[in-house]
Amino acid sequence: MGLAGQLAKAGGLKSAQQIARELAAAVQNPIEKRSKEGPSKRGARARSIEAAPAPIRTTKTRGRPRTGVTKQQISIRLDADIVAFFQAKGDGWRSAINDALRLAMKN
């Protein structure tokens, strides 16, 4: 007995006749076969997603809080001594330049 015969005896290999009979039965009764197996996993998952409530956002958003004042990013070339003067003031030197420009705008 060959390997195919041993596998067929052990139930590991179906004969062409068995496959043909199963296919014919599936074609004749496709709805009955599906109902015996139950709903497909995809259909059940789709129904569970539709029935699920919308998630509630409880975490804070990341990053800096948004303000009503919008700023525009530009590139500007300043003299080295002006940049050194404002940098010597420490953190917030860019905002200090903005404040100085605003003061000049009002005058």
Protein backbone atom coordinates (compact mmCIF):
# COMPACT_ATOMS: atom_id res chain seq x y z
CA MET A 1 0.00 0.00 0.00
CA GLY A 2 1.37 3.39 -0.97
CA LEU A 3 1.54 6.58 1.00
CA ALA A 4 -1.75 7.88 -0.50
CA GLY A 5 -3.54 4.70 0.60
CA GLN A 6 -2.16 4.97 4.14
CA LEU A 7 -3.26 8.60 4.40
CA ALA A 8 -6.72 7.77 3.07
CA LYS A 9 -7.11 4.99 5.67
CA ALA A 10 -6.02 7.35 8.43
CA GLY A 11 -8.55 9.94 7.28
CA GLY A 12 -5.89 12.43 6.24
CA LEU A 13 -6.63 12.34 2.51
CA LYS A 14 -10.03 12.55 0.85
CA SER A 15 -10.72 10.74 -2.36
CA ALA A 16 -11.91 12.61 -5.44
CA GLN A 17 -15.30 10.94 -5.05
CA GLN A 18 -15.67 12.21 -1.47
CA ILE A 19 -14.76 15.75 -2.53
CA ALA A 20 -17.22 15.62 -5.45
CA ARG A 21 -20.04 14.43 -3.13
CA GLU A 22 -19.35 17.22 -0.62
CA LEU A 23 -19.29 19.85 -3.36
CA ALA A 24 -22.54 18.59 -4.85
CA ALA A 25 -24.20 18.68 -1.42
CA ALA A 26 -22.93 22.22 -0.81
CA VAL A 27 -24.26 23.41 -4.17
CA GLN A 28 -27.66 21.82 -3.61
CA ASN A 29 -28.11 23.07 -0.05
CA PRO A 30 -25.91 26.14 0.44
CA ILE A 31 -28.27 27.88 2.90
CA GLU A 32 -28.72 24.81 5.08
CA LYS A 33 -24.99 24.31 5.28
CA ARG A 34 -24.43 27.89 6.37
CA SER A 35 -27.19 27.76 8.97
CA LYS A 36 -25.65 24.66 10.55
CA GLU A 37 -22.30 26.41 10.83
CA GLY A 38 -23.85 29.53 12.37
CA PRO A 39 -23.23 33.14 11.42
CA SER A 40 -19.91 34.00 9.87
CA LYS A 41 -17.37 35.66 12.11
CA ARG A 42 -17.32 38.71 9.90
CA GLY A 43 -21.08 39.21 10.16
CA ALA A 44 -21.06 38.78 13.93
CA ARG A 45 -18.22 41.26 14.29
CA ALA A 46 -19.96 43.78 12.06
CA ARG A 47 -23.13 43.53 14.16
CA SER A 48 -21.17 43.92 17.41
CA ILE A 49 -19.40 47.03 16.07
CA GLU A 50 -22.69 48.61 15.00
CA ALA A 51 -24.21 47.95 18.43
CA ALA A 52 -21.20 49.30 20.36
CA PRO A 53 -21.52 52.79 21.84
CA ALA A 54 -19.20 55.53 20.62
CA PRO A 55 -15.99 55.74 22.67
CA ILE A 56 -15.77 58.53 25.22
CA ARG A 57 -12.59 60.57 25.02
CA THR A 58 -11.25 60.92 28.55
CA THR A 59 -7.58 61.57 27.91
CA LYS A 60 -6.08 64.99 27.45
CA THR A 61 -4.81 65.98 24.04
CA ARG A 62 -1.08 66.05 23.65
CA GLY A 63 1.02 69.13 23.14
CA ARG A 64 0.69 72.77 23.94
CA PRO A 65 -2.82 74.14 24.55
CA ARG A 66 -4.19 76.13 21.63
CA THR A 67 -4.73 79.84 22.09
CA GLY A 68 -6.94 82.26 20.22
CA VAL A 69 -3.89 84.18 18.98
CA THR A 70 -2.40 82.65 15.87
CA LYS A 71 1.17 83.32 14.92
CA GLN A 72 2.83 83.10 11.56
CA GLN A 73 6.19 81.42 11.18
CA ILE A 74 8.67 83.48 9.17
CA SER A 75 12.37 83.63 8.56
CA ILE A 76 14.04 86.94 9.38
CA ARG A 77 17.67 87.96 9.38
CA LEU A 78 18.72 90.16 12.30
CA ASP A 79 22.06 91.66 13.21
CA ALA A 80 24.15 89.48 15.52
CA ASP A 81 24.28 92.09 18.29
CA ILE A 82 20.46 92.35 18.37
CA VAL A 83 20.09 88.57 18.68
CA ALA A 84 22.80 88.45 21.38
CA PHE A 85 21.02 91.22 23.33
CA PHE A 86 17.70 89.37 23.41
CA GLN A 87 19.32 85.95 24.05
CA ALA A 88 21.14 87.41 27.07
CA LYS A 89 17.74 87.94 28.68
CA GLY A 90 17.30 84.15 28.87
CA ASP A 91 14.30 82.02 28.06
CA GLY A 92 11.56 83.75 26.15
CA TRP A 93 13.91 85.86 24.07
CA ARG A 94 11.86 85.23 20.94
CA SER A 95 8.74 86.48 22.68
CA ALA A 96 10.73 89.53 23.83
CA ILE A 97 11.55 90.30 20.19
CA ASN A 98 7.85 89.95 19.37
CA ASP A 99 6.95 92.34 22.22
CA ALA A 100 9.55 94.89 21.07
CA LEU A 101 8.19 94.76 17.53
CA ARG A 102 4.63 95.19 18.80
CA LEU A 103 5.68 98.21 20.87
CA ALA A 104 7.37 99.71 17.81
CA MET A 105 4.22 99.09 15.79
CA LYS A 106 2.06 101.01 18.29
CA ASN A 107 4.39 104.05 18.38
